Amino acid sequence: DIQGTLLPKGKLSIIKEDYETRLDFWPVKGRKIAEVICGSTKSKHLYFKLVLYPAKFRHGEFEHIKFLIEVLLSNWSYPILFSTANVPYVEIARDFLNKDYLAYFPYFPGARKSEVVFEKNGDKGSTYIGAYSSSKRFNIYDKARQLTSKKGGSNFIRLMRVEARLKKTGLKPFELLEKLENPFDGLEFLSAEKLLCISDDDGWAVFVEQCRCVGTAQALYECEKQVRKIYKARLASAKVDWWDASKAWEG
């Protein structure tokens, strides 16, 4: 009844399902910036969750969201959540202009699983590194292409996004800046062109194609142990010079 006053140009959307109720915040049509979720698990544990989409915020909207939470949920004001809640999931991304996503293979030596998603038309989509259940998983994709497919389009021809998805951080919101370790540490990018030039044997060419189709981690995992050792050394020689995990974390 009061959403016209609280969000004059947008709306509050309430969705009720079997195990949870979700309150969505839309400052304008087509752009959701936050949601509040409350519900119960199958084991009857109650939970309360605040989800924020910082990349979608516009000037003044974060302060307004905090005000709305105070109005609607006085016992769960943002300062209380900021100091006492746990952070079960956070995404941290860096964008790189004029980098052709298709020209590089992301490589994380500590991962055993990777997946490449292909679009219906055969174009290469996201590359995922790490299992879905892992505490850390990477998603690398062409952000410009994704934006182009949506309303509004993209201002960039090439924009590669490197995204770290972290689960069960064990931290409270106010601890993130001080205690969260660099999630990009150990991640590397390999030049697809350099990889093809390393060796001309057929087995290596097949392996490089597997890296393109399923990711480097999965391609290595499918190799025999002795071959894997040789190929790991070759991968290390194809690292690009523009990527630095420490610099990626500075911002």
Foldseek 3Di string as FASTA:
>chain_A
DCQCVLQVAFGWDWDDDDFKIKIWDDNHPPATAKMWMWGADPVGHTDIDIDGDVVRDDPPVVVSVQVVCCVPPVVCGPVCQQPDPFDFKDKDKDKDAPDDLLQKFKDFPVFQFKFWDADPVGHTAWIKTHDPPDQKIKIKGFVQVVQQVDPPHHPGPTMIMIMIMGGPQVDGNVCCVPPPDQSCPRMFMFGLVQQCVPDDDPVSVVLSVVCSGGNNSNSLNPDDPVVSVVVVVSRVVGTDDVDDSVVSPPD
